[in-house]
Amino acid sequence: MSDPEILDRILETCSYRFRSVVCPNKDRVAEITAAKLHVEDQDWSVLECSLLPNGEVKCAMSCLLRDFDQSN
């Protein structure tokens, strides 16, 4: 089992967002979880997508993240 203190430090270094977005490849709504490290010029990356098996994401799935910074 992971050390809770280490896990807390990892979670504090990122921002997380949970969204419903239309997948351009499957033309279906996907529930996604995205994260962005608190580092200058860092991009958002998809961590989880409801259209894929748990833990399987590809190429940071930038197609789902258009205008992600502008939305809250």
PDB file of N, CA and C in Angstrom:
ATOM      1  N   MET A   1       0.841  -1.177   0.000  1.00  0.00           N
ATOM      2  CA  MET A   1       0.000   0.000   0.000  1.00  0.00           C
ATOM      3  C   MET A   1       0.887   1.241   0.000  1.00  0.00           C
ATOM      4  N   SER A   2       0.474   2.279  -0.705  1.00  0.00           N
ATOM      5  CA  SER A   2       1.249   3.507  -0.803  1.00  0.00           C
ATOM      6  C   SER A   2       1.194   4.308   0.489  1.00  0.00           C
ATOM      7  N   ASP A   3       2.267   5.030   0.739  1.00  0.00           N
ATOM      8  CA  ASP A   3       2.340   5.911   1.897  1.00  0.00           C
ATOM      9  C   ASP A   3       1.392   7.094   1.665  1.00  0.00           C
ATOM     10  N   PRO A   4       0.421   7.345   2.564  1.00  0.00           N
ATOM     11  CA  PRO A   4      -0.535   8.449   2.374  1.00  0.00           C
ATOM     12  C   PRO A   4       0.131   9.813   2.238  1.00  0.00           C
ATOM     13  N   GLU A   5       1.234  10.037   2.928  1.00  0.00           N
ATOM     14  CA  GLU A   5       1.931  11.325   2.848  1.00  0.00           C
ATOM     15  C   GLU A   5       2.516  11.531   1.448  1.00  0.00           C
ATOM     16  N   ILE A   6       3.089  10.503   0.885  1.00  0.00           N
ATOM     17  CA  ILE A   6       3.641  10.595  -0.476  1.00  0.00           C
ATOM     18  C   ILE A   6       2.513  10.818  -1.476  1.00  0.00           C
ATOM     19  N   LEU A   7       1.421  10.095  -1.328  1.00  0.00           N
ATOM     20  CA  LEU A   7       0.273  10.260  -2.212  1.00  0.00           C
ATOM     21  C   LEU A   7      -0.274  11.677  -2.134  1.00  0.00           C
ATOM     22  N   ASP A   8      -0.373  12.245  -0.929  1.00  0.00           N
ATOM     23  CA  ASP A   8      -0.828  13.631  -0.775  1.00  0.00           C
ATOM     24  C   ASP A   8       0.087  14.603  -1.506  1.00  0.00           C
ATOM     25  N   ARG A   9       1.394  14.407  -1.411  1.00  0.00           N
ATOM     26  CA  ARG A   9       2.334  15.303  -2.103  1.00  0.00           C
ATOM     27  C   ARG A   9       2.181  15.212  -3.610  1.00  0.00           C
ATOM     28  N   ILE A  10       1.969  14.010  -4.125  1.00  0.00           N
ATOM     29  CA  ILE A  10       1.757  13.829  -5.568  1.00  0.00           C
ATOM     30  C   ILE A  10       0.478  14.543  -6.001  1.00  0.00           C
ATOM     31  N   LEU A  11      -0.601  14.358  -5.258  1.00  0.00           N
ATOM     32  CA  LEU A  11      -1.873  14.987  -5.602  1.00  0.00           C
ATOM     33  C   LEU A  11      -1.806  16.504  -5.536  1.00  0.00           C
ATOM     34  N   GLU A  12      -1.007  17.045  -4.627  1.00  0.00           N
ATOM     35  CA  GLU A  12      -0.872  18.499  -4.492  1.00  0.00           C
ATOM     36  C   GLU A  12      -0.098  19.125  -5.653  1.00  0.00           C
ATOM     37  N   THR A  13       0.664  18.350  -6.397  1.00  0.00           N
ATOM     38  CA  THR A  13       1.465  18.904  -7.491  1.00  0.00           C
ATOM     39  C   THR A  13       0.677  19.018  -8.795  1.00  0.00           C
ATOM     40  N   CYS A  14      -0.583  18.596  -8.792  1.00  0.00           N
ATOM     41  CA  CYS A  14      -1.391  18.613 -10.014  1.00  0.00           C
ATOM     42  C   CYS A  14      -2.732  19.299  -9.779  1.00  0.00           C
ATOM     43  N   SER A  15      -3.294  19.815 -10.877  1.00  0.00           N
ATOM     44  CA  SER A  15      -4.689  20.249 -10.892  1.00  0.00           C
ATOM     45  C   SER A  15      -5.464  19.167 -11.623  1.00  0.00           C
ATOM     46  N   TYR A  16      -6.694  18.922 -11.186  1.00  0.00           N
ATOM     47  CA  TYR A  16      -7.507  17.883 -11.800  1.00  0.00           C
ATOM     48  C   TYR A  16      -8.825  18.472 -12.270  1.00  0.00           C
ATOM     49  N   ARG A  17      -9.321  17.959 -13.374  1.00  0.00           N
ATOM     50  CA  ARG A  17     -10.642  18.347 -13.869  1.00  0.00           C
ATOM     51  C   ARG A  17     -11.367  17.101 -14.350  1.00  0.00           C
ATOM     52  N   PHE A  18     -12.666  17.096 -14.137  1.00  0.00           N
ATOM     53  CA  PHE A  18     -13.515  15.991 -14.540  1.00  0.00           C
ATOM     54  C   PHE A  18     -14.560  16.555 -15.494  1.00  0.00           C
ATOM     55  N   ARG A  19     -14.655  16.003 -16.684  1.00  0.00           N
ATOM     56  CA  ARG A  19     -15.532  16.566 -17.709  1.00  0.00           C
ATOM     57  C   ARG A  19     -16.235  15.496 -18.520  1.00  0.00           C
ATOM     58  N   SER A  20     -17.336  15.906 -19.139  1.00  0.00           N
ATOM     59  CA  SER A  20     -17.997  15.114 -20.172  1.00  0.00           C
ATOM     60  C   SER A  20     -17.691  15.821 -21.480  1.00  0.00           C
ATOM     61  N   VAL A  21     -17.048  15.131 -22.400  1.00  0.00           N
ATOM     62  CA  VAL A  21     -16.685  15.714 -23.692  1.00  0.00           C
ATOM     63  C   VAL A  21     -17.054  14.739 -24.799  1.00  0.00           C
ATOM     64  N   VAL A  22     -17.292  15.292 -25.991  1.00  0.00           N
ATOM     65  CA  VAL A  22     -17.592  14.439 -27.136  1.00  0.00           C
ATOM     66  C   VAL A  22     -16.282  13.968 -27.747  1.00  0.00           C
ATOM     67  N   CYS A  23     -16.117  12.667 -27.856  1.00  0.00           N
ATOM     68  CA  CYS A  23     -14.924  12.093 -28.467  1.00  0.00           C
ATOM     69  C   CYS A  23     -15.038  12.232 -29.976  1.00  0.00           C
ATOM     70  N   PRO A  24     -14.116  12.940 -30.632  1.00  0.00           N
ATOM     71  CA  PRO A  24     -14.206  13.120 -32.085  1.00  0.00           C
ATOM     72  C   PRO A  24     -13.977  11.830 -32.864  1.00  0.00           C
ATOM     73  N   ASN A  25     -13.306  10.864 -32.270  1.00  0.00           N
ATOM     74  CA  ASN A  25     -13.035   9.609 -32.972  1.00  0.00           C
ATOM     75  C   ASN A  25     -14.185   8.620 -32.883  1.00  0.00           C
ATOM     76  N   LYS A  26     -14.927   8.648 -31.775  1.00  0.00           N
ATOM     77  CA  LYS A  26     -16.014   7.684 -31.587  1.00  0.00           C
ATOM     78  C   LYS A  26     -17.386   8.334 -31.664  1.00  0.00           C
ATOM     79  N   ASP A  27     -17.424   9.679 -31.772  1.00  0.00           N
ATOM     80  CA  ASP A  27     -18.667  10.441 -31.836  1.00  0.00           C
ATOM     81  C   ASP A  27     -19.610  10.066 -30.690  1.00  0.00           C
ATOM     82  N   ARG A  28     -19.038   9.922 -29.509  1.00  0.00           N
ATOM     83  CA  ARG A  28     -19.789   9.596 -28.302  1.00  0.00           C
ATOM     84  C   ARG A  28     -19.286  10.467 -27.164  1.00  0.00           C
ATOM     85  N   VAL A  29     -20.101  10.603 -26.135  1.00  0.00           N
ATOM     86  CA  VAL A  29     -19.690  11.369 -24.956  1.00  0.00           C
ATOM     87  C   VAL A  29     -18.771  10.508 -24.100  1.00  0.00           C
ATOM     88  N   ALA A  30     -17.665  11.099 -23.693  1.00  0.00           N
ATOM     89  CA  ALA A  30     -16.704  10.426 -22.824  1.00  0.00           C
ATOM     90  C   ALA A  30     -16.615  11.189 -21.507  1.00  0.00           C
ATOM     91  N   GLU A  31     -16.606  10.462 -20.418  1.00  0.00           N
ATOM     92  CA  GLU A  31     -16.346  11.051 -19.099  1.00  0.00           C
ATOM     93  C   GLU A  31     -14.842  10.940 -18.896  1.00  0.00           C
ATOM     94  N   ILE A  32     -14.168  12.091 -18.756  1.00  0.00           N
ATOM     95  CA  ILE A  32     -12.717  12.054 -18.632  1.00  0.00           C
ATOM     96  C   ILE A  32     -12.250  12.691 -17.326  1.00  0.00           C
ATOM     97  N   THR A  33     -11.069  12.284 -16.917  1.00  0.00           N
ATOM     98  CA  THR A  33     -10.337  12.905 -15.818  1.00  0.00           C
ATOM     99  C   THR A  33      -9.024  13.381 -16.417  1.00  0.00           C
ATOM    100  N   ALA A  34      -8.730  14.670 -16.242  1.00  0.00           N
ATOM    101  CA  ALA A  34      -7.493  15.230 -16.781  1.00  0.00           C
ATOM    102  C   ALA A  34      -6.685  15.849 -15.645  1.00  0.00           C
ATOM    103  N   ALA A  35      -5.382  15.885 -15.835  1.00  0.00           N
ATOM    104  CA  ALA A  35      -4.482  16.458 -14.830  1.00  0.00           C
ATOM    105  C   ALA A  35      -3.455  17.340 -15.512  1.00  0.00           C
ATOM    106  N   LYS A  36      -3.004  18.331 -14.764  1.00  0.00           N
ATOM    107  CA  LYS A  36      -1.959  19.243 -15.248  1.00  0.00           C
ATOM    108  C   LYS A  36      -1.009  19.490 -14.086  1.00  0.00           C
ATOM    109  N   LEU A  37       0.282  19.214 -14.311  1.00  0.00           N
ATOM    110  CA  LEU A  37       1.289  19.483 -13.282  1.00  0.00           C
ATOM    111  C   LEU A  37       1.414  20.982 -13.063  1.00  0.00           C
ATOM    112  N   HIS A  38       1.706  21.382 -11.842  1.00  0.00           N
ATOM    113  CA  HIS A  38       1.905  22.793 -11.515  1.00  0.00           C
ATOM    114  C   HIS A  38       3.322  23.208 -11.912  1.00  0.00           C
ATOM    115  N   VAL A  39       3.603  23.096 -13.199  1.00  0.00           N
ATOM    116  CA  VAL A  39       4.900  23.459 -13.756  1.00  0.00           C
ATOM    117  C   VAL A  39       4.622  24.357 -14.957  1.00  0.00           C
ATOM    118  N   GLU A  40       5.424  25.385 -15.126  1.00  0.00           N
ATOM    119  CA  GLU A  40       5.242  26.319 -16.229  1.00  0.00           C
ATOM    120  C   GLU A  40       5.215  25.595 -17.574  1.00  0.00           C
ATOM    121  N   ASP A  41       4.312  25.999 -18.443  1.00  0.00           N
ATOM    122  CA  ASP A  41       4.161  25.473 -19.804  1.00  0.00           C
ATOM    123  C   ASP A  41       3.771  23.998 -19.855  1.00  0.00           C
ATOM    124  N   GLN A  42       3.199  23.479 -18.800  1.00  0.00           N
ATOM    125  CA  GLN A  42       2.762  22.091 -18.792  1.00  0.00           C
ATOM    126  C   GLN A  42       1.367  22.000 -19.397  1.00  0.00           C
ATOM    127  N   ASP A  43       1.103  20.974 -20.193  1.00  0.00           N
ATOM    128  CA  ASP A  43      -0.196  20.772 -20.824  1.00  0.00           C
ATOM    129  C   ASP A  43      -1.056  19.825 -19.995  1.00  0.00           C
ATOM    130  N   TRP A  44      -2.363  19.861 -20.257  1.00  0.00           N
ATOM    131  CA  TRP A  44      -3.289  18.916 -19.640  1.00  0.00           C
ATOM    132  C   TRP A  44      -3.093  17.554 -20.280  1.00  0.00           C
ATOM    133  N   SER A  45      -3.278  16.504 -19.506  1.00  0.00           N
ATOM    134  CA  SER A  45      -3.224  15.126 -19.997  1.00  0.00           C
ATOM    135  C   SER A  45      -4.421  14.372 -19.451  1.00  0.00           C
ATOM    136  N   VAL A  46      -5.014  13.534 -20.274  1.00  0.00           N
ATOM    137  CA  VAL A  46      -6.131  12.710 -19.837  1.00  0.00           C
ATOM    138  C   VAL A  46      -5.586  11.519 -19.065  1.00  0.00           C
ATOM    139  N   LEU A  47      -6.097  11.313 -17.856  1.00  0.00           N
ATOM    140  CA  LEU A  47      -5.682  10.185 -17.021  1.00  0.00           C
ATOM    141  C   LEU A  47      -6.640   9.010 -17.143  1.00  0.00           C
ATOM    142  N   GLU A  48      -7.902   9.319 -17.397  1.00  0.00           N
ATOM    143  CA  GLU A  48      -8.923   8.276 -17.440  1.00  0.00           C
ATOM    144  C   GLU A  48     -10.013   8.695 -18.421  1.00  0.00           C
ATOM    145  N   CYS A  49     -10.517   7.726 -19.184  1.00  0.00           N
ATOM    146  CA  CYS A  49     -11.574   7.973 -20.167  1.00  0.00           C
ATOM    147  C   CYS A  49     -12.571   6.835 -20.087  1.00  0.00           C
ATOM    148  N   SER A  50     -13.858   7.172 -19.979  1.00  0.00           N
ATOM    149  CA  SER A  50     -14.894   6.146 -19.829  1.00  0.00           C
ATOM    150  C   SER A  50     -15.060   5.275 -21.070  1.00  0.00           C
ATOM    151  N   LEU A  51     -14.540   5.703 -22.208  1.00  0.00           N
ATOM    152  CA  LEU A  51     -14.672   4.928 -23.444  1.00  0.00           C
ATOM    153  C   LEU A  51     -13.566   3.891 -23.613  1.00  0.00           C
ATOM    154  N   LEU A  52     -12.594   3.905 -22.709  1.00  0.00           N
ATOM    155  CA  LEU A  52     -11.485   2.955 -22.769  1.00  0.00           C
ATOM    156  C   LEU A  52     -11.435   2.141 -21.482  1.00  0.00           C
ATOM    157  N   PRO A  53     -10.847   0.953 -21.540  1.00  0.00           N
ATOM    158  CA  PRO A  53     -10.680   0.174 -20.302  1.00  0.00           C
ATOM    159  C   PRO A  53      -9.877   0.967 -19.273  1.00  0.00           C
ATOM    160  N   ASN A  54     -10.102   0.690 -17.993  1.00  0.00           N
ATOM    161  CA  ASN A  54      -9.424   1.410 -16.908  1.00  0.00           C
ATOM    162  C   ASN A  54      -7.924   1.490 -17.124  1.00  0.00           C
ATOM    163  N   GLY A  55      -7.401   2.708 -16.993  1.00  0.00           N
ATOM    164  CA  GLY A  55      -5.962   2.917 -17.083  1.00  0.00           C
ATOM    165  C   GLY A  55      -5.400   3.004 -18.483  1.00  0.00           C
ATOM    166  N   GLU A  56      -6.225   2.849 -19.526  1.00  0.00           N
ATOM    167  CA  GLU A  56      -5.718   2.901 -20.896  1.00  0.00           C
ATOM    168  C   GLU A  56      -6.065   4.240 -21.537  1.00  0.00           C
ATOM    169  N   VAL A  57      -5.062   5.069 -21.732  1.00  0.00           N
ATOM    170  CA  VAL A  57      -5.219   6.313 -22.472  1.00  0.00           C
ATOM    171  C   VAL A  57      -4.091   6.387 -23.481  1.00  0.00           C
ATOM    172  N   LYS A  58      -4.309   7.150 -24.557  1.00  0.00           N
ATOM    173  CA  LYS A  58      -3.330   7.202 -25.636  1.00  0.00           C
ATOM    174  C   LYS A  58      -2.970   8.645 -25.967  1.00  0.00           C
ATOM    175  N   CYS A  59      -1.693   8.928 -26.100  1.00  0.00           N
ATOM    176  CA  CYS A  59      -1.190  10.222 -26.605  1.00  0.00           C
ATOM    177  C   CYS A  59      -1.726  11.423 -25.834  1.00  0.00           C
ATOM    178  N   ALA A  60      -1.966  11.296 -24.561  1.00  0.00           N
ATOM    179  CA  ALA A  60      -2.522  12.356 -23.711  1.00  0.00           C
ATOM    180  C   ALA A  60      -3.895  12.802 -24.197  1.00  0.00           C
ATOM    181  N   MET A  61      -4.399  12.194 -25.255  1.00  0.00           N
ATOM    182  CA  MET A  61      -5.742  12.421 -25.788  1.00  0.00           C
ATOM    183  C   MET A  61      -6.047  13.910 -25.962  1.00  0.00           C
ATOM    184  N   SER A  62      -5.137  14.641 -26.574  1.00  0.00           N
ATOM    185  CA  SER A  62      -5.297  16.085 -26.728  1.00  0.00           C
ATOM    186  C   SER A  62      -6.535  16.451 -27.538  1.00  0.00           C
ATOM    187  N   CYS A  63      -7.075  15.530 -28.335  1.00  0.00           N
ATOM    188  CA  CYS A  63      -8.291  15.807 -29.093  1.00  0.00           C
ATOM    189  C   CYS A  63      -9.469  16.100 -28.162  1.00  0.00           C
ATOM    190  N   LEU A  64      -9.419  15.625 -26.922  1.00  0.00           N
ATOM    191  CA  LEU A  64     -10.501  15.854 -25.969  1.00  0.00           C
ATOM    192  C   LEU A  64     -10.289  17.110 -25.139  1.00  0.00           C
ATOM    193  N   LEU A  65      -9.137  17.748 -25.285  1.00  0.00           N
ATOM    194  CA  LEU A  65      -8.765  18.829 -24.376  1.00  0.00           C
ATOM    195  C   LEU A  65      -8.766  20.212 -25.016  1.00  0.00           C
ATOM    196  N   ARG A  66      -9.353  20.350 -26.189  1.00  0.00           N
ATOM    197  CA  ARG A  66      -9.401  21.676 -26.806  1.00  0.00           C
ATOM    198  C   ARG A  66     -10.095  22.659 -25.878  1.00  0.00           C
ATOM    199  N   ASP A  67      -9.520  23.844 -25.709  1.00  0.00           N
ATOM    200  CA  ASP A  67     -10.078  24.911 -24.870  1.00  0.00           C
ATOM    201  C   ASP A  67     -10.269  24.486 -23.412  1.00  0.00           C
ATOM    202  N   PHE A  68      -9.484  23.534 -22.935  1.00  0.00           N
ATOM    203  CA  PHE A  68      -9.628  23.042 -21.573  1.00  0.00           C
ATOM    204  C   PHE A  68      -9.282  24.114 -20.553  1.00  0.00           C
ATOM    205  N   ASP A  69      -8.271  24.920 -20.837  1.00  0.00           N
ATOM    206  CA  ASP A  69      -7.862  25.960 -19.892  1.00  0.00           C
ATOM    207  C   ASP A  69      -8.915  27.053 -19.758  1.00  0.00           C
ATOM    208  N   GLN A  70      -9.691  27.285 -20.805  1.00  0.00           N
ATOM    209  CA  GLN A  70     -10.688  28.352 -20.754  1.00  0.00           C
ATOM    210  C   GLN A  70     -11.947  27.946 -19.998  1.00  0.00           C
ATOM    211  N   SER A  71     -12.199  26.634 -19.874  1.00  0.00           N
ATOM    212  CA  SER A  71     -13.413  26.189 -19.191  1.00  0.00           C
ATOM    213  C   SER A  71     -13.106  25.845 -17.741  1.00  0.00           C
ATOM    214  N   ASN A  72     -14.090  25.973 -16.887  1.00  0.00           N
ATOM    215  CA  ASN A  72     -13.906  25.690 -15.456  1.00  0.00           C
ATOM    216  C   ASN A  72     -14.654  24.481 -15.031  1.00  0.00           C
TER     217      ASN A  72
END
